[in-house]
PDB file of N, CA and C in Angstrom:
ATOM      1  N   MET A   1       8.918  23.616  -0.756  1.00  0.00           N
ATOM      2  CA  MET A   1       8.720  23.037   0.575  1.00  0.00           C
ATOM      3  C   MET A   1       9.771  21.902   0.761  1.00  0.00           C
ATOM      4  N   MET A   2      10.379  21.906   1.892  1.00  0.00           N
ATOM      5  CA  MET A   2      11.377  20.899   2.187  1.00  0.00           C
ATOM      6  C   MET A   2      10.771  19.549   2.623  1.00  0.00           C
ATOM      7  N   ARG A   3      11.280  18.505   2.052  1.00  0.00           N
ATOM      8  CA  ARG A   3      10.779  17.149   2.344  1.00  0.00           C
ATOM      9  C   ARG A   3      11.368  16.670   3.667  1.00  0.00           C
ATOM     10  N   ALA A   4      10.490  16.134   4.495  1.00  0.00           N
ATOM     11  CA  ALA A   4      10.924  15.639   5.837  1.00  0.00           C
ATOM     12  C   ALA A   4      11.259  14.135   5.679  1.00  0.00           C
ATOM     13  N   TYR A   5      12.391  13.793   6.237  1.00  0.00           N
ATOM     14  CA  TYR A   5      12.853  12.367   6.254  1.00  0.00           C
ATOM     15  C   TYR A   5      12.843  11.830   7.671  1.00  0.00           C
ATOM     16  N   TYR A   6      12.496  10.552   7.770  1.00  0.00           N
ATOM     17  CA  TYR A   6      12.473   9.894   9.092  1.00  0.00           C
ATOM     18  C   TYR A   6      13.224   8.564   8.993  1.00  0.00           C
ATOM     19  N   ARG A   7      13.508   7.998  10.097  1.00  0.00           N
ATOM     20  CA  ARG A   7      14.303   6.736  10.142  1.00  0.00           C
ATOM     21  C   ARG A   7      13.525   5.588   9.517  1.00  0.00           C
ATOM     22  N   ASP A   8      12.233   5.504   9.753  1.00  0.00           N
ATOM     23  CA  ASP A   8      11.435   4.410   9.192  1.00  0.00           C
ATOM     24  C   ASP A   8       9.945   4.788   9.215  1.00  0.00           C
ATOM     25  N   LEU A   9       9.052   3.858   8.730  1.00  0.00           N
ATOM     26  CA  LEU A   9       7.658   4.134   8.653  1.00  0.00           C
ATOM     27  C   LEU A   9       7.080   4.462  10.011  1.00  0.00           C
ATOM     28  N   TYR A  10       7.444   3.800  11.070  1.00  0.00           N
ATOM     29  CA  TYR A  10       6.852   4.047  12.364  1.00  0.00           C
ATOM     30  C   TYR A  10       7.232   5.413  13.003  1.00  0.00           C
ATOM     31  N   VAL A  11       8.477   5.831  12.743  1.00  0.00           N
ATOM     32  CA  VAL A  11       8.876   7.165  13.147  1.00  0.00           C
ATOM     33  C   VAL A  11       8.086   8.203  12.333  1.00  0.00           C
ATOM     34  N   LEU A  12       7.906   7.913  11.055  1.00  0.00           N
ATOM     35  CA  LEU A  12       7.088   8.836  10.200  1.00  0.00           C
ATOM     36  C   LEU A  12       5.665   8.984  10.816  1.00  0.00           C
ATOM     37  N   PHE A  13       5.066   7.870  11.181  1.00  0.00           N
ATOM     38  CA  PHE A  13       3.736   7.875  11.804  1.00  0.00           C
ATOM     39  C   PHE A  13       3.721   8.791  13.104  1.00  0.00           C
ATOM     40  N   ARG A  14       4.766   8.705  13.888  1.00  0.00           N
ATOM     41  CA  ARG A  14       4.772   9.495  15.134  1.00  0.00           C
ATOM     42  C   ARG A  14       4.863  11.001  14.898  1.00  0.00           C
ATOM     43  N   HIS A  15       5.509  11.338  13.720  1.00  0.00           N
ATOM     44  CA  HIS A  15       5.711  12.772  13.398  1.00  0.00           C
ATOM     45  C   HIS A  15       4.756  13.326  12.411  1.00  0.00           C
ATOM     46  N   ASP A  16       4.044  12.517  11.679  1.00  0.00           N
ATOM     47  CA  ASP A  16       3.050  13.003  10.672  1.00  0.00           C
ATOM     48  C   ASP A  16       1.761  12.216  10.758  1.00  0.00           C
ATOM     49  N   SER A  17       0.781  12.791  11.422  1.00  0.00           N
ATOM     50  CA  SER A  17      -0.479  12.068  11.612  1.00  0.00           C
ATOM     51  C   SER A  17      -1.182  11.777  10.320  1.00  0.00           C
ATOM     52  N   ARG A  18      -0.947  12.593   9.246  1.00  0.00           N
ATOM     53  CA  ARG A  18      -1.598  12.294   7.998  1.00  0.00           C
ATOM     54  C   ARG A  18      -1.011  11.053   7.330  1.00  0.00           C
ATOM     55  N   ALA A  19       0.237  10.721   7.601  1.00  0.00           N
ATOM     56  CA  ALA A  19       0.819   9.495   7.077  1.00  0.00           C
ATOM     57  C   ALA A  19       0.168   8.281   7.704  1.00  0.00           C
ATOM     58  N   GLN A  20      -0.093   8.311   8.989  1.00  0.00           N
ATOM     59  CA  GLN A  20      -0.829   7.246   9.669  1.00  0.00           C
ATOM     60  C   GLN A  20      -2.219   7.104   9.107  1.00  0.00           C
ATOM     61  N   GLU A  21      -2.914   8.237   8.956  1.00  0.00           N
ATOM     62  CA  GLU A  21      -4.270   8.196   8.432  1.00  0.00           C
ATOM     63  C   GLU A  21      -4.302   7.633   7.016  1.00  0.00           C
ATOM     64  N   TYR A  22      -3.370   8.056   6.188  1.00  0.00           N
ATOM     65  CA  TYR A  22      -3.300   7.589   4.827  1.00  0.00           C
ATOM     66  C   TYR A  22      -3.080   6.064   4.811  1.00  0.00           C
ATOM     67  N   PHE A  23      -2.126   5.566   5.593  1.00  0.00           N
ATOM     68  CA  PHE A  23      -1.842   4.173   5.728  1.00  0.00           C
ATOM     69  C   PHE A  23      -3.034   3.356   6.217  1.00  0.00           C
ATOM     70  N   ASP A  24      -3.751   3.892   7.206  1.00  0.00           N
ATOM     71  CA  ASP A  24      -4.918   3.185   7.784  1.00  0.00           C
ATOM     72  C   ASP A  24      -6.015   3.031   6.761  1.00  0.00           C
ATOM     73  N   HIS A  25      -6.073   3.850   5.763  1.00  0.00           N
ATOM     74  CA  HIS A  25      -7.141   3.743   4.754  1.00  0.00           C
ATOM     75  C   HIS A  25      -6.742   2.928   3.563  1.00  0.00           C
ATOM     76  N   LEU A  26      -5.542   2.353   3.541  1.00  0.00           N
ATOM     77  CA  LEU A  26      -5.136   1.493   2.437  1.00  0.00           C
ATOM     78  C   LEU A  26      -5.740   0.118   2.640  1.00  0.00           C
ATOM     79  N   PRO A  27      -5.954  -0.644   1.572  1.00  0.00           N
ATOM     80  CA  PRO A  27      -6.365  -2.076   1.712  1.00  0.00           C
ATOM     81  C   PRO A  27      -5.405  -2.837   2.566  1.00  0.00           C
ATOM     82  N   ALA A  28      -5.883  -3.906   3.270  1.00  0.00           N
ATOM     83  CA  ALA A  28      -5.074  -4.684   4.165  1.00  0.00           C
ATOM     84  C   ALA A  28      -3.860  -5.296   3.458  1.00  0.00           C
ATOM     85  N   HIS A  29      -4.067  -5.823   2.223  1.00  0.00           N
ATOM     86  CA  HIS A  29      -2.916  -6.410   1.519  1.00  0.00           C
ATOM     87  C   HIS A  29      -1.811  -5.385   1.200  1.00  0.00           C
ATOM     88  N   VAL A  30      -2.190  -4.134   0.961  1.00  0.00           N
ATOM     89  CA  VAL A  30      -1.207  -3.083   0.707  1.00  0.00           C
ATOM     90  C   VAL A  30      -0.527  -2.747   1.987  1.00  0.00           C
ATOM     91  N   GLN A  31      -1.225  -2.613   3.118  1.00  0.00           N
ATOM     92  CA  GLN A  31      -0.658  -2.355   4.389  1.00  0.00           C
ATOM     93  C   GLN A  31       0.377  -3.451   4.776  1.00  0.00           C
ATOM     94  N   ASP A  32       0.031  -4.636   4.515  1.00  0.00           N
ATOM     95  CA  ASP A  32       0.921  -5.815   4.889  1.00  0.00           C
ATOM     96  C   ASP A  32       2.171  -5.662   4.070  1.00  0.00           C
ATOM     97  N   ARG A  33       2.136  -5.447   2.807  1.00  0.00           N
ATOM     98  CA  ARG A  33       3.341  -5.331   1.959  1.00  0.00           C
ATOM     99  C   ARG A  33       4.221  -4.143   2.358  1.00  0.00           C
ATOM    100  N   ILE A  34       3.578  -3.016   2.671  1.00  0.00           N
ATOM    101  CA  ILE A  34       4.319  -1.867   3.141  1.00  0.00           C
ATOM    102  C   ILE A  34       4.967  -2.111   4.476  1.00  0.00           C
ATOM    103  N   SER A  35       4.217  -2.680   5.387  1.00  0.00           N
ATOM    104  CA  SER A  35       4.771  -2.953   6.748  1.00  0.00           C
ATOM    105  C   SER A  35       5.995  -3.868   6.677  1.00  0.00           C
ATOM    106  N   ALA A  36       5.980  -4.804   5.750  1.00  0.00           N
ATOM    107  CA  ALA A  36       7.117  -5.703   5.594  1.00  0.00           C
ATOM    108  C   ALA A  36       8.352  -4.966   5.216  1.00  0.00           C
ATOM    109  N   GLN A  37       8.247  -3.805   4.649  1.00  0.00           N
ATOM    110  CA  GLN A  37       9.419  -3.010   4.193  1.00  0.00           C
ATOM    111  C   GLN A  37       9.526  -1.677   4.882  1.00  0.00           C
ATOM    112  N   TYR A  38       9.073  -1.606   6.143  1.00  0.00           N
ATOM    113  CA  TYR A  38       8.947  -0.374   6.909  1.00  0.00           C
ATOM    114  C   TYR A  38      10.265   0.392   6.938  1.00  0.00           C
ATOM    115  N   ARG A  39      11.399  -0.253   6.937  1.00  0.00           N
ATOM    116  CA  ARG A  39      12.679   0.469   7.054  1.00  0.00           C
ATOM    117  C   ARG A  39      13.029   1.278   5.816  1.00  0.00           C
ATOM    118  N   GLN A  40      12.420   0.943   4.702  1.00  0.00           N
ATOM    119  CA  GLN A  40      12.708   1.664   3.482  1.00  0.00           C
ATOM    120  C   GLN A  40      11.862   2.923   3.259  1.00  0.00           C
ATOM    121  N   ILE A  41      10.900   3.125   4.109  1.00  0.00           N
ATOM    122  CA  ILE A  41       9.962   4.211   3.993  1.00  0.00           C
ATOM    123  C   ILE A  41      10.353   5.301   4.950  1.00  0.00           C
ATOM    124  N   ASP A  42      10.878   6.421   4.414  1.00  0.00           N
ATOM    125  CA  ASP A  42      11.470   7.496   5.245  1.00  0.00           C
ATOM    126  C   ASP A  42      10.697   8.763   5.060  1.00  0.00           C
ATOM    127  N   SER A  43       9.576   8.845   4.285  1.00  0.00           N
ATOM    128  CA  SER A  43       8.822  10.039   4.043  1.00  0.00           C
ATOM    129  C   SER A  43       7.452   9.756   3.557  1.00  0.00           C
ATOM    130  N   MET A  44       6.575  10.769   3.618  1.00  0.00           N
ATOM    131  CA  MET A  44       5.228  10.622   3.055  1.00  0.00           C
ATOM    132  C   MET A  44       5.312  10.317   1.549  1.00  0.00           C
ATOM    133  N   ASP A  45       6.218  10.975   0.846  1.00  0.00           N
ATOM    134  CA  ASP A  45       6.341  10.709  -0.593  1.00  0.00           C
ATOM    135  C   ASP A  45       6.657   9.217  -0.818  1.00  0.00           C
ATOM    136  N   GLN A  46       7.603   8.694  -0.058  1.00  0.00           N
ATOM    137  CA  GLN A  46       7.988   7.280  -0.215  1.00  0.00           C
ATOM    138  C   GLN A  46       6.828   6.372   0.119  1.00  0.00           C
ATOM    139  N   LEU A  47       6.019   6.736   1.169  1.00  0.00           N
ATOM    140  CA  LEU A  47       4.890   5.877   1.552  1.00  0.00           C
ATOM    141  C   LEU A  47       3.874   5.889   0.383  1.00  0.00           C
ATOM    142  N   GLU A  48       3.608   7.063  -0.253  1.00  0.00           N
ATOM    143  CA  GLU A  48       2.673   7.102  -1.348  1.00  0.00           C
ATOM    144  C   GLU A  48       3.221   6.306  -2.530  1.00  0.00           C
ATOM    145  N   ARG A  49       4.517   6.310  -2.801  1.00  0.00           N
ATOM    146  CA  ARG A  49       5.078   5.530  -3.910  1.00  0.00           C
ATOM    147  C   ARG A  49       4.888   4.035  -3.669  1.00  0.00           C
ATOM    148  N   PHE A  50       5.212   3.615  -2.474  1.00  0.00           N
ATOM    149  CA  PHE A  50       5.049   2.162  -2.150  1.00  0.00           C
ATOM    150  C   PHE A  50       3.594   1.746  -2.281  1.00  0.00           C
ATOM    151  N   ALA A  51       2.657   2.603  -1.812  1.00  0.00           N
ATOM    152  CA  ALA A  51       1.217   2.308  -1.859  1.00  0.00           C
ATOM    153  C   ALA A  51       0.784   2.186  -3.334  1.00  0.00           C
ATOM    154  N   ALA A  52       1.258   3.039  -4.196  1.00  0.00           N
ATOM    155  CA  ALA A  52       0.902   3.010  -5.597  1.00  0.00           C
ATOM    156  C   ALA A  52       1.421   1.744  -6.240  1.00  0.00           C
ATOM    157  N   ARG A  53       2.627   1.375  -5.858  1.00  0.00           N
ATOM    158  CA  ARG A  53       3.220   0.137  -6.410  1.00  0.00           C
ATOM    159  C   ARG A  53       2.468  -1.090  -6.024  1.00  0.00           C
ATOM    160  N   TYR A  54       2.016  -1.177  -4.778  1.00  0.00           N
ATOM    161  CA  TYR A  54       1.356  -2.391  -4.271  1.00  0.00           C
ATOM    162  C   TYR A  54      -0.205  -2.319  -4.361  1.00  0.00           C
ATOM    163  N   HIS A  55      -0.769  -1.280  -4.877  1.00  0.00           N
ATOM    164  CA  HIS A  55      -2.178  -1.161  -4.920  1.00  0.00           C
ATOM    165  C   HIS A  55      -2.814  -1.873  -6.060  1.00  0.00           C
ATOM    166  N   ALA A  56      -1.992  -2.525  -6.930  1.00  0.00           N
ATOM    167  CA  ALA A  56      -2.563  -3.291  -8.053  1.00  0.00           C
ATOM    168  C   ALA A  56      -3.339  -4.500  -7.518  1.00  0.00           C
ATOM    169  N   PRO A  57      -4.350  -4.995  -8.252  1.00  0.00           N
ATOM    170  CA  PRO A  57      -5.065  -6.168  -7.808  1.00  0.00           C
ATOM    171  C   PRO A  57      -4.146  -7.384  -7.563  1.00  0.00           C
ATOM    172  N   LEU A  58      -4.568  -8.128  -6.619  1.00  0.00           N
ATOM    173  CA  LEU A  58      -3.787  -9.355  -6.289  1.00  0.00           C
ATOM    174  C   LEU A  58      -3.927 -10.491  -7.368  1.00  0.00           C
ATOM    175  N   PHE A  59      -4.939 -10.377  -8.185  1.00  0.00           N
ATOM    176  CA  PHE A  59      -5.181 -11.405  -9.186  1.00  0.00           C
ATOM    177  C   PHE A  59      -5.923 -10.789 -10.390  1.00  0.00           C
ATOM    178  N   PRO A  60      -5.794 -11.317 -11.523  1.00  0.00           N
ATOM    179  CA  PRO A  60      -6.504 -10.732 -12.679  1.00  0.00           C
ATOM    180  C   PRO A  60      -8.009 -10.975 -12.591  1.00  0.00           C
ATOM    181  N   LEU A  61      -8.752 -10.011 -13.117  1.00  0.00           N
ATOM    182  CA  LEU A  61     -10.195 -10.198 -13.175  1.00  0.00           C
ATOM    183  C   LEU A  61     -10.591 -10.366 -14.654  1.00  0.00           C
ATOM    184  N   GLU A  62     -11.636 -11.132 -14.911  1.00  0.00           N
ATOM    185  CA  GLU A  62     -12.070 -11.348 -16.286  1.00  0.00           C
ATOM    186  C   GLU A  62     -13.460 -10.698 -16.490  1.00  0.00           C
ATOM    187  N   GLY A  63     -13.577  -9.987 -17.573  1.00  0.00           N
ATOM    188  CA  GLY A  63     -14.863  -9.322 -17.882  1.00  0.00           C
ATOM    189  C   GLY A  63     -15.588 -10.158 -18.904  1.00  0.00           C
ATOM    190  N   ILE A  64     -16.784 -10.596 -18.570  1.00  0.00           N
ATOM    191  CA  ILE A  64     -17.642 -11.381 -19.517  1.00  0.00           C
ATOM    192  C   ILE A  64     -19.018 -10.711 -19.566  1.00  0.00           C
ATOM    193  N   GLY A  65     -19.404 -10.299 -20.760  1.00  0.00           N
ATOM    194  CA  GLY A  65     -20.696  -9.675 -20.905  1.00  0.00           C
ATOM    195  C   GLY A  65     -20.905  -8.481 -20.046  1.00  0.00           C
ATOM    196  N   GLY A  66     -19.871  -7.690 -19.850  1.00  0.00           N
ATOM    197  CA  GLY A  66     -19.987  -6.480 -19.070  1.00  0.00           C
ATOM    198  C   GLY A  66     -19.950  -6.753 -17.551  1.00  0.00           C
ATOM    199  N   GLN A  67     -19.784  -7.982 -17.126  1.00  0.00           N
ATOM    200  CA  GLN A  67     -19.682  -8.334 -15.758  1.00  0.00           C
ATOM    201  C   GLN A  67     -18.244  -8.777 -15.404  1.00  0.00           C
ATOM    202  N   THR A  68     -17.854  -8.601 -14.202  1.00  0.00           N
ATOM    203  CA  THR A  68     -16.509  -8.952 -13.761  1.00  0.00           C
ATOM    204  C   THR A  68     -16.582 -10.222 -12.861  1.00  0.00           C
ATOM    205  N   PHE A  69     -15.815 -11.227 -13.168  1.00  0.00           N
ATOM    206  CA  PHE A  69     -15.758 -12.448 -12.432  1.00  0.00           C
ATOM    207  C   PHE A  69     -14.340 -12.743 -11.977  1.00  0.00           C
ATOM    208  N   LEU A  70     -14.218 -13.373 -10.847  1.00  0.00           N
ATOM    209  CA  LEU A  70     -12.909 -13.854 -10.382  1.00  0.00           C
ATOM    210  C   LEU A  70     -12.543 -15.096 -11.159  1.00  0.00           C
ATOM    211  N   PRO A  71     -11.252 -15.329 -11.336  1.00  0.00           N
ATOM    212  CA  PRO A  71     -10.893 -16.579 -11.998  1.00  0.00           C
ATOM    213  C   PRO A  71     -11.163 -17.723 -11.042  1.00  0.00           C
ATOM    214  N   PRO A  72     -11.288 -18.954 -11.545  1.00  0.00           N
ATOM    215  CA  PRO A  72     -11.561 -20.068 -10.699  1.00  0.00           C
ATOM    216  C   PRO A  72     -10.421 -20.327  -9.729  1.00  0.00           C
ATOM    217  N   PRO A  73     -10.704 -20.888  -8.581  1.00  0.00           N
ATOM    218  CA  PRO A  73      -9.595 -21.120  -7.610  1.00  0.00           C
ATOM    219  C   PRO A  73      -8.580 -22.158  -8.184  1.00  0.00           C
ATOM    220  N   VAL A  74      -7.390 -22.004  -7.712  1.00  0.00           N
ATOM    221  CA  VAL A  74      -6.341 -22.946  -8.160  1.00  0.00           C
ATOM    222  C   VAL A  74      -6.428 -24.226  -7.323  1.00  0.00           C
ATOM    223  N   GLN A  75      -6.484 -25.346  -7.974  1.00  0.00           N
ATOM    224  CA  GLN A  75      -6.575 -26.629  -7.269  1.00  0.00           C
ATOM    225  C   GLN A  75      -5.164 -27.131  -6.999  1.00  0.00           C
ATOM    226  N   PRO A  76      -4.905 -27.599  -5.747  1.00  0.00           N
ATOM    227  CA  PRO A  76      -3.558 -28.059  -5.469  1.00  0.00           C
ATOM    228  C   PRO A  76      -3.267 -29.415  -6.155  1.00  0.00           C
TER     229      PRO A  76
END
């Protein structure tokens, strides 16, 4: 199957509704990071790669006694 290339993320959305749907279901922080680099995303494959790269947690979680806790807030 031939891979389709587009000028940027928003052109991809206009031509591939499943790319828009995929993007819309990503967490907001992932959408923000992808949107900031929209010119580098020229295909559905590229969108999926960027999403996988940015889908890591924003901060580490600690497991204590089988429970997960957020780290304490950083004090300025």
